[in-house]
C-alpha atoms as a PDB file:
ATOM      1  CA  UNK A   1     -39.273  -6.765  54.746  1.00  0.00           C
ATOM      2  CA  UNK A   2     -38.871  -9.492  52.126  1.00  0.00           C
ATOM      3  CA  UNK A   3     -40.894  -7.399  49.720  1.00  0.00           C
ATOM      4  CA  UNK A   4     -38.670  -4.374  50.330  1.00  0.00           C
ATOM      5  CA  UNK A   5     -35.508  -6.437  49.870  1.00  0.00           C
ATOM      6  CA  UNK A   6     -36.899  -7.900  46.668  1.00  0.00           C
ATOM      7  CA  UNK A   7     -37.787  -4.435  45.407  1.00  0.00           C
ATOM      8  CA  UNK A   8     -34.323  -3.097  46.297  1.00  0.00           C
ATOM      9  CA  UNK A   9     -32.658  -5.968  44.454  1.00  0.00           C
ATOM     10  CA  UNK A  10     -34.861  -5.361  41.413  1.00  0.00           C
ATOM     11  CA  UNK A  11     -33.970  -1.665  41.391  1.00  0.00           C
ATOM     12  CA  UNK A  12     -30.265  -2.448  41.612  1.00  0.00           C
ATOM     13  CA  UNK A  13     -30.581  -4.976  38.791  1.00  0.00           C
ATOM     14  CA  UNK A  14     -32.392  -2.476  36.601  1.00  0.00           C
ATOM     15  CA  UNK A  15     -29.770   0.171  37.365  1.00  0.00           C
ATOM     16  CA  UNK A  16     -26.948  -2.223  36.444  1.00  0.00           C
ATOM     17  CA  UNK A  17     -28.728  -3.167  33.218  1.00  0.00           C
ATOM     18  CA  UNK A  18     -29.187   0.514  32.345  1.00  0.00           C
ATOM     19  CA  UNK A  19     -25.482   1.214  32.903  1.00  0.00           C
ATOM     20  CA  UNK A  20     -24.421  -1.675  30.675  1.00  0.00           C
ATOM     21  CA  UNK A  21     -26.900  -0.680  27.967  1.00  0.00           C
ATOM     22  CA  UNK A  22     -25.804   2.971  28.132  1.00  0.00           C
ATOM     23  CA  UNK A  23     -22.666   2.129  26.156  1.00  0.00           C
ATOM     24  CA  UNK A  24     -22.827   2.005  22.373  1.00  0.00           C
ATOM     25  CA  UNK A  25     -22.476  -1.432  20.792  1.00  0.00           C
ATOM     26  CA  UNK A  26     -21.938  -2.844  17.315  1.00  0.00           C
ATOM     27  CA  UNK A  27     -22.602  -6.443  16.295  1.00  0.00           C
ATOM     28  CA  UNK A  28     -20.667  -8.346  13.628  1.00  0.00           C
ATOM     29  CA  UNK A  29     -21.488 -11.690  12.056  1.00  0.00           C
ATOM     30  CA  UNK A  30     -18.714 -14.277  11.939  1.00  0.00           C
ATOM     31  CA  UNK A  31     -18.553 -17.866  10.713  1.00  0.00           C
ATOM     32  CA  UNK A  32     -19.039 -19.000  14.325  1.00  0.00           C
ATOM     33  CA  UNK A  33     -21.662 -16.620  15.635  1.00  0.00           C
ATOM     34  CA  UNK A  34     -22.009 -12.959  16.526  1.00  0.00           C
ATOM     35  CA  UNK A  35     -19.273 -10.704  17.876  1.00  0.00           C
ATOM     36  CA  UNK A  36     -20.524  -7.814  19.990  1.00  0.00           C
ATOM     37  CA  UNK A  37     -18.192  -4.883  20.619  1.00  0.00           C
ATOM     38  CA  UNK A  38     -19.048  -2.483  23.431  1.00  0.00           C
ATOM     39  CA  UNK A  39     -17.441   0.961  23.285  1.00  0.00           C
ATOM     40  CA  UNK A  40     -16.700   1.921  26.866  1.00  0.00           C
ATOM     41  CA  UNK A  41     -14.384   4.923  26.607  1.00  0.00           C
ATOM     42  CA  UNK A  42     -10.917   6.180  25.677  1.00  0.00           C
ATOM     43  CA  UNK A  43      -8.880   3.011  25.042  1.00  0.00           C
ATOM     44  CA  UNK A  44     -11.289   0.712  26.878  1.00  0.00           C
ATOM     45  CA  UNK A  45     -13.382  -1.899  25.062  1.00  0.00           C
ATOM     46  CA  UNK A  46     -15.419  -5.011  25.805  1.00  0.00           C
ATOM     47  CA  UNK A  47     -16.061  -7.820  23.322  1.00  0.00           C
ATOM     48  CA  UNK A  48     -18.405 -10.802  23.587  1.00  0.00           C
ATOM     49  CA  UNK A  49     -18.164 -13.902  21.406  1.00  0.00           C
ATOM     50  CA  UNK A  50     -19.479 -17.448  21.800  1.00  0.00           C
ATOM     51  CA  UNK A  51     -20.221 -16.940  25.482  1.00  0.00           C
ATOM     52  CA  UNK A  52     -16.775 -15.451  26.177  1.00  0.00           C
ATOM     53  CA  UNK A  53     -16.211 -11.936  27.513  1.00  0.00           C
ATOM     54  CA  UNK A  54     -13.022 -10.092  26.567  1.00  0.00           C
ATOM     55  CA  UNK A  55     -12.083  -6.839  28.302  1.00  0.00           C
ATOM     56  CA  UNK A  56      -9.368  -4.677  26.756  1.00  0.00           C
ATOM     57  CA  UNK A  57      -7.535  -2.106  28.885  1.00  0.00           C
ATOM     58  CA  UNK A  58     -10.283  -1.920  31.537  1.00  0.00           C
ATOM     59  CA  UNK A  59     -10.028   1.314  33.556  1.00  0.00           C
ATOM     60  CA  UNK A  60     -12.405   2.179  36.380  1.00  0.00           C
ATOM     61  CA  UNK A  61     -12.725   5.861  35.481  1.00  0.00           C
ATOM     62  CA  UNK A  62     -14.595   4.857  32.304  1.00  0.00           C
ATOM     63  CA  UNK A  63     -17.019   2.289  33.741  1.00  0.00           C
ATOM     64  CA  UNK A  64     -18.403   0.789  36.915  1.00  0.00           C
ATOM     65  CA  UNK A  65     -16.962  -2.696  36.567  1.00  0.00           C
ATOM     66  CA  UNK A  66     -19.178  -4.037  39.319  1.00  0.00           C
ATOM     67  CA  UNK A  67     -22.014  -3.821  36.778  1.00  0.00           C
ATOM     68  CA  UNK A  68     -20.248  -5.354  33.777  1.00  0.00           C
ATOM     69  CA  UNK A  69     -19.802  -9.047  32.938  1.00  0.00           C
ATOM     70  CA  UNK A  70     -16.812 -10.827  34.450  1.00  0.00           C
ATOM     71  CA  UNK A  71     -13.920 -11.448  32.088  1.00  0.00           C
ATOM     72  CA  UNK A  72     -12.876 -14.700  30.487  1.00  0.00           C
ATOM     73  CA  UNK A  73      -9.943 -12.836  28.956  1.00  0.00           C
ATOM     74  CA  UNK A  74      -8.311  -9.487  29.750  1.00  0.00           C
ATOM     75  CA  UNK A  75      -5.838  -7.866  27.351  1.00  0.00           C
ATOM     76  CA  UNK A  76      -3.595  -5.017  28.525  1.00  0.00           C
ATOM     77  CA  UNK A  77      -1.703  -3.047  25.868  1.00  0.00           C
ATOM     78  CA  UNK A  78       0.766  -1.175  28.086  1.00  0.00           C
ATOM     79  CA  UNK A  79       1.520   0.110  31.552  1.00  0.00           C
ATOM     80  CA  UNK A  80       0.164   3.687  31.515  1.00  0.00           C
ATOM     81  CA  UNK A  81      -2.588   4.419  34.025  1.00  0.00           C
ATOM     82  CA  UNK A  82      -5.244   5.042  31.360  1.00  0.00           C
ATOM     83  CA  UNK A  83      -4.723   1.450  30.167  1.00  0.00           C
ATOM     84  CA  UNK A  84      -3.561  -0.542  33.193  1.00  0.00           C
ATOM     85  CA  UNK A  85      -5.827  -0.355  36.241  1.00  0.00           C
ATOM     86  CA  UNK A  86      -5.209  -3.104  38.799  1.00  0.00           C
ATOM     87  CA  UNK A  87      -8.456  -2.381  40.651  1.00  0.00           C
ATOM     88  CA  UNK A  88     -10.514  -2.771  37.488  1.00  0.00           C
ATOM     89  CA  UNK A  89      -8.769  -6.046  36.662  1.00  0.00           C
ATOM     90  CA  UNK A  90      -9.465  -7.359  40.151  1.00  0.00           C
ATOM     91  CA  UNK A  91     -13.154  -6.492  39.812  1.00  0.00           C
ATOM     92  CA  UNK A  92     -13.404  -8.351  36.500  1.00  0.00           C
ATOM     93  CA  UNK A  93     -11.393 -11.432  37.419  1.00  0.00           C
ATOM     94  CA  UNK A  94     -12.856 -14.799  38.183  1.00  0.00           C
ATOM     95  CA  UNK A  95     -10.959 -17.997  38.928  1.00  0.00           C
ATOM     96  CA  UNK A  96     -10.698 -18.979  35.264  1.00  0.00           C
ATOM     97  CA  UNK A  97      -9.869 -15.528  33.845  1.00  0.00           C
ATOM     98  CA  UNK A  98      -6.825 -15.364  31.599  1.00  0.00           C
ATOM     99  CA  UNK A  99      -4.797 -12.141  31.496  1.00  0.00           C
ATOM    100  CA  UNK A 100      -2.399 -11.150  28.719  1.00  0.00           C
ATOM    101  CA  UNK A 101      -0.045  -8.223  29.279  1.00  0.00           C
ATOM    102  CA  UNK A 102       3.433  -6.846  28.613  1.00  0.00           C
ATOM    103  CA  UNK A 103       6.609  -7.362  30.610  1.00  0.00           C
ATOM    104  CA  UNK A 104       6.434  -3.921  32.227  1.00  0.00           C
ATOM    105  CA  UNK A 105       2.734  -4.409  33.004  1.00  0.00           C
ATOM    106  CA  UNK A 106       3.666  -7.636  34.807  1.00  0.00           C
ATOM    107  CA  UNK A 107       5.953  -5.626  37.073  1.00  0.00           C
ATOM    108  CA  UNK A 108       2.898  -3.624  38.173  1.00  0.00           C
ATOM    109  CA  UNK A 109       0.345  -6.445  38.086  1.00  0.00           C
ATOM    110  CA  UNK A 110       1.888  -9.799  38.895  1.00  0.00           C
ATOM    111  CA  UNK A 111      -0.817 -12.085  37.494  1.00  0.00           C
ATOM    112  CA  UNK A 112      -0.973 -12.927  33.808  1.00  0.00           C
ATOM    113  CA  UNK A 113       0.825 -14.178  30.727  1.00  0.00           C
ATOM    114  CA  UNK A 114       3.489 -11.946  29.221  1.00  0.00           C
ATOM    115  CA  UNK A 115       3.385 -11.542  25.446  1.00  0.00           C
ATOM    116  CA  UNK A 116       6.064  -9.794  23.425  1.00  0.00           C
ATOM    117  CA  UNK A 117       5.748  -8.185  20.015  1.00  0.00           C
ATOM    118  CA  UNK A 118       5.561 -10.924  17.402  1.00  0.00           C
ATOM    119  CA  UNK A 119       4.270 -13.642  19.728  1.00  0.00           C
ATOM    120  CA  UNK A 120       0.901 -15.359  19.436  1.00  0.00           C
ATOM    121  CA  UNK A 121      -1.112 -17.822  21.507  1.00  0.00           C
ATOM    122  CA  UNK A 122      -4.535 -19.260  22.230  1.00  0.00           C
ATOM    123  CA  UNK A 123      -6.379 -17.721  25.176  1.00  0.00           C
ATOM    124  CA  UNK A 124      -9.988 -18.482  26.080  1.00  0.00           C
ATOM    125  CA  UNK A 125     -10.186 -20.360  22.792  1.00  0.00           C
ATOM    126  CA  UNK A 126      -9.159 -17.315  20.729  1.00  0.00           C
ATOM    127  CA  UNK A 127      -5.972 -16.785  18.777  1.00  0.00           C
ATOM    128  CA  UNK A 128      -4.252 -13.616  20.003  1.00  0.00           C
ATOM    129  CA  UNK A 129      -1.325 -11.955  18.228  1.00  0.00           C
ATOM    130  CA  UNK A 130       0.812  -9.309  19.942  1.00  0.00           C
ATOM    131  CA  UNK A 131       2.032  -6.679  17.485  1.00  0.00           C
ATOM    132  CA  UNK A 132       4.242  -3.590  17.876  1.00  0.00           C
ATOM    133  CA  UNK A 133       2.886  -0.291  19.224  1.00  0.00           C
ATOM    134  CA  UNK A 134       5.233   2.674  19.550  1.00  0.00           C
ATOM    135  CA  UNK A 135       6.060   6.289  18.694  1.00  0.00           C
ATOM    136  CA  UNK A 136       8.419   7.462  15.991  1.00  0.00           C
ATOM    137  CA  UNK A 137       7.810  11.235  15.937  1.00  0.00           C
ATOM    138  CA  UNK A 138       6.111  12.031  19.237  1.00  0.00           C
ATOM    139  CA  UNK A 139       8.583  12.133  22.122  1.00  0.00           C
ATOM    140  CA  UNK A 140       8.826  13.482  25.661  1.00  0.00           C
ATOM    141  CA  UNK A 141      12.386  14.560  24.977  1.00  0.00           C
ATOM    142  CA  UNK A 142      15.142  13.696  22.539  1.00  0.00           C
ATOM    143  CA  UNK A 143      15.411   9.927  22.363  1.00  0.00           C
ATOM    144  CA  UNK A 144      12.590   9.433  24.886  1.00  0.00           C
ATOM    145  CA  UNK A 145       9.343   8.604  23.039  1.00  0.00           C
ATOM    146  CA  UNK A 146       6.014   8.461  24.844  1.00  0.00           C
ATOM    147  CA  UNK A 147       5.799   4.807  23.859  1.00  0.00           C
ATOM    148  CA  UNK A 148       9.183   3.196  23.139  1.00  0.00           C
ATOM    149  CA  UNK A 149       9.532   0.466  20.559  1.00  0.00           C
ATOM    150  CA  UNK A 150       9.248  -3.064  21.938  1.00  0.00           C
ATOM    151  CA  UNK A 151       7.495  -2.072  25.176  1.00  0.00           C
ATOM    152  CA  UNK A 152       3.766  -1.934  24.381  1.00  0.00           C
ATOM    153  CA  UNK A 153       1.501  -4.274  22.456  1.00  0.00           C
ATOM    154  CA  UNK A 154      -1.264  -3.947  19.969  1.00  0.00           C
ATOM    155  CA  UNK A 155      -3.420  -7.066  19.637  1.00  0.00           C
ATOM    156  CA  UNK A 156      -4.951  -8.882  16.696  1.00  0.00           C
ATOM    157  CA  UNK A 157      -7.831 -11.015  17.968  1.00  0.00           C
ATOM    158  CA  UNK A 158      -9.196 -13.800  15.781  1.00  0.00           C
ATOM    159  CA  UNK A 159     -12.962 -14.281  16.028  1.00  0.00           C
ATOM    160  CA  UNK A 160     -13.498 -17.235  13.697  1.00  0.00           C
ATOM    161  CA  UNK A 161     -13.070 -15.759  10.198  1.00  0.00           C
ATOM    162  CA  UNK A 162     -12.916 -12.145  11.402  1.00  0.00           C
ATOM    163  CA  UNK A 163      -9.826 -10.375  12.763  1.00  0.00           C
ATOM    164  CA  UNK A 164     -10.020  -7.349  15.052  1.00  0.00           C
ATOM    165  CA  UNK A 165      -6.949  -5.141  15.502  1.00  0.00           C
ATOM    166  CA  UNK A 166      -6.708  -3.059  18.678  1.00  0.00           C
ATOM    167  CA  UNK A 167      -3.643  -0.921  18.118  1.00  0.00           C
ATOM    168  CA  UNK A 168      -2.889   0.345  21.623  1.00  0.00           C
ATOM    169  CA  UNK A 169      -0.904   3.575  21.818  1.00  0.00           C
ATOM    170  CA  UNK A 170       1.016   3.830  18.575  1.00  0.00           C
ATOM    171  CA  UNK A 171       1.755   5.860  15.490  1.00  0.00           C
ATOM    172  CA  UNK A 172       1.517   4.801  11.849  1.00  0.00           C
ATOM    173  CA  UNK A 173       4.449   2.407  12.071  1.00  0.00           C
ATOM    174  CA  UNK A 174       5.951   0.327   9.214  1.00  0.00           C
ATOM    175  CA  UNK A 175       4.967  -2.953  10.891  1.00  0.00           C
ATOM    176  CA  UNK A 176       1.321  -2.203  10.065  1.00  0.00           C
ATOM    177  CA  UNK A 177       2.020  -3.334   6.493  1.00  0.00           C
ATOM    178  CA  UNK A 178       2.209  -6.891   7.866  1.00  0.00           C
ATOM    179  CA  UNK A 179      -1.412  -6.781   9.021  1.00  0.00           C
ATOM    180  CA  UNK A 180      -3.591  -8.773   6.644  1.00  0.00           C
ATOM    181  CA  UNK A 181      -7.363  -9.161   6.200  1.00  0.00           C
ATOM    182  CA  UNK A 182      -8.318  -6.979   9.174  1.00  0.00           C
ATOM    183  CA  UNK A 183     -12.092  -6.683   9.482  1.00  0.00           C
ATOM    184  CA  UNK A 184     -12.157  -4.087  12.295  1.00  0.00           C
ATOM    185  CA  UNK A 185      -9.361  -1.768  13.419  1.00  0.00           C
ATOM    186  CA  UNK A 186      -9.147   0.524  16.430  1.00  0.00           C
ATOM    187  CA  UNK A 187      -6.541   3.239  15.863  1.00  0.00           C
ATOM    188  CA  UNK A 188      -5.627   5.881  18.494  1.00  0.00           C
ATOM    189  CA  UNK A 189      -5.900   9.532  17.515  1.00  0.00           C
ATOM    190  CA  UNK A 190      -4.664  12.120  19.988  1.00  0.00           C
ATOM    191  CA  UNK A 191      -1.560  14.260  20.338  1.00  0.00           C
ATOM    192  CA  UNK A 192       1.060  14.253  21.614  1.00  0.00           C
ATOM    193  CA  UNK A 193       0.756  10.580  22.544  1.00  0.00           C
ATOM    194  CA  UNK A 194      -0.423   8.854  19.360  1.00  0.00           C
ATOM    195  CA  UNK A 195      -1.635  10.082  15.946  1.00  0.00           C
ATOM    196  CA  UNK A 196      -3.228  13.027  14.193  1.00  0.00           C
ATOM    197  CA  UNK A 197      -6.181  12.341  11.864  1.00  0.00           C
ATOM    198  CA  UNK A 198      -3.768  12.518   8.906  1.00  0.00           C
ATOM    199  CA  UNK A 199      -1.510   9.940  10.538  1.00  0.00           C
ATOM    200  CA  UNK A 200      -4.517   7.665  11.119  1.00  0.00           C
ATOM    201  CA  UNK A 201      -5.313   7.937   7.405  1.00  0.00           C
ATOM    202  CA  UNK A 202      -1.739   6.950   6.563  1.00  0.00           C
ATOM    203  CA  UNK A 203      -1.934   4.061   9.023  1.00  0.00           C
ATOM    204  CA  UNK A 204      -5.175   2.851   7.458  1.00  0.00           C
ATOM    205  CA  UNK A 205      -3.597   2.887   3.994  1.00  0.00           C
ATOM    206  CA  UNK A 206      -0.905   0.487   5.215  1.00  0.00           C
ATOM    207  CA  UNK A 207      -3.379  -2.387   5.725  1.00  0.00           C
ATOM    208  CA  UNK A 208      -6.851  -1.235   4.573  1.00  0.00           C
ATOM    209  CA  UNK A 209      -9.189  -2.490   7.314  1.00  0.00           C
ATOM    210  CA  UNK A 210     -12.814  -2.926   6.290  1.00  0.00           C
ATOM    211  CA  UNK A 211     -14.006  -0.869   9.267  1.00  0.00           C
ATOM    212  CA  UNK A 212     -12.012   1.748  11.157  1.00  0.00           C
ATOM    213  CA  UNK A 213     -12.872   3.119  14.565  1.00  0.00           C
ATOM    214  CA  UNK A 214     -10.735   5.970  15.875  1.00  0.00           C
ATOM    215  CA  UNK A 215     -10.385   5.595  19.629  1.00  0.00           C
ATOM    216  CA  UNK A 216      -8.387   7.169  22.474  1.00  0.00           C
ATOM    217  CA  UNK A 217      -9.131  10.458  20.672  1.00  0.00           C
ATOM    218  CA  UNK A 218      -9.748  12.888  23.561  1.00  0.00           C
ATOM    219  CA  UNK A 219     -10.574  16.318  22.145  1.00  0.00           C
ATOM    220  CA  UNK A 220      -9.438  15.532  18.604  1.00  0.00           C
ATOM    221  CA  UNK A 221     -12.012  16.469  15.974  1.00  0.00           C
ATOM    222  CA  UNK A 222     -13.173  13.127  14.567  1.00  0.00           C
ATOM    223  CA  UNK A 223     -14.922  14.909  11.682  1.00  0.00           C
ATOM    224  CA  UNK A 224     -11.487  15.691  10.276  1.00  0.00           C
ATOM    225  CA  UNK A 225     -10.798  11.985   9.913  1.00  0.00           C
ATOM    226  CA  UNK A 226     -14.185  11.406   8.299  1.00  0.00           C
ATOM    227  CA  UNK A 227     -13.488  14.179   5.762  1.00  0.00           C
ATOM    228  CA  UNK A 228     -10.022  12.844   4.971  1.00  0.00           C
ATOM    229  CA  UNK A 229     -11.384   9.341   4.362  1.00  0.00           C
ATOM    230  CA  UNK A 230     -14.496  10.248   2.371  1.00  0.00           C
ATOM    231  CA  UNK A 231     -13.027   9.875  -1.135  1.00  0.00           C
ATOM    232  CA  UNK A 232     -11.995   6.235  -0.797  1.00  0.00           C
ATOM    233  CA  UNK A 233     -13.988   3.014  -0.775  1.00  0.00           C
ATOM    234  CA  UNK A 234     -11.678   0.535   0.973  1.00  0.00           C
ATOM    235  CA  UNK A 235     -12.418   1.446   4.597  1.00  0.00           C
ATOM    236  CA  UNK A 236     -15.604   2.489   6.373  1.00  0.00           C
ATOM    237  CA  UNK A 237     -15.027   4.976   9.198  1.00  0.00           C
ATOM    238  CA  UNK A 238     -17.292   4.690  12.212  1.00  0.00           C
ATOM    239  CA  UNK A 239     -17.322   7.186  15.077  1.00  0.00           C
ATOM    240  CA  UNK A 240     -18.422   6.013  18.512  1.00  0.00           C
ATOM    241  CA  UNK A 241     -18.321   7.503  22.025  1.00  0.00           C
ATOM    242  CA  UNK A 242     -14.704   6.772  22.880  1.00  0.00           C
ATOM    243  CA  UNK A 243     -13.324  10.218  23.773  1.00  0.00           C
END
């Protein structure tokens, strides 16, 4: 019986390891160690740095969170169901987990620290900046954008000397010109909710990240973005499994 239990546990452990390793990952060197970014799906990411695990917009439809590392920090960009999933947060939480979210998110998930556009703070030893994320052109109806100004957040996360910008659901908004020295940027690319490939190009030109990942792109043809960006040398475009 003990042997069978041991075997069952080993099989479960191997299965969990396989699931975690099934996601694509990129590793970046910083002045204080390696940053590993795991591309989970849609707008959902996981980052690991100096023993800390950061989950961004964890949603259970994109991963089995019982198999992923518990969170030291969870960042939620806005309240839509493909970004805010209370069950996923609960699975990732431990006693010391810090959660950063918006005011409307806090009405749906009562635990966490509210950050508004323009605010910054230190969470799990990392500097986090909340920046605007909203629509200008894409609206549900006249005067009713999919993502109103001042409601959702993008986040700039400081990993030692490297800054990662996770834009949330947004268009190419003027406030992007204030972003400086961004190493890695995640920009959303799907209509009608966020941007077209051409809009992502225009967004990139506003702050010239070193590396650009389109994410939240659904059925959008990512090759179009690659083609549009091929005759410039300021930003490297990387495509990962984030549809």
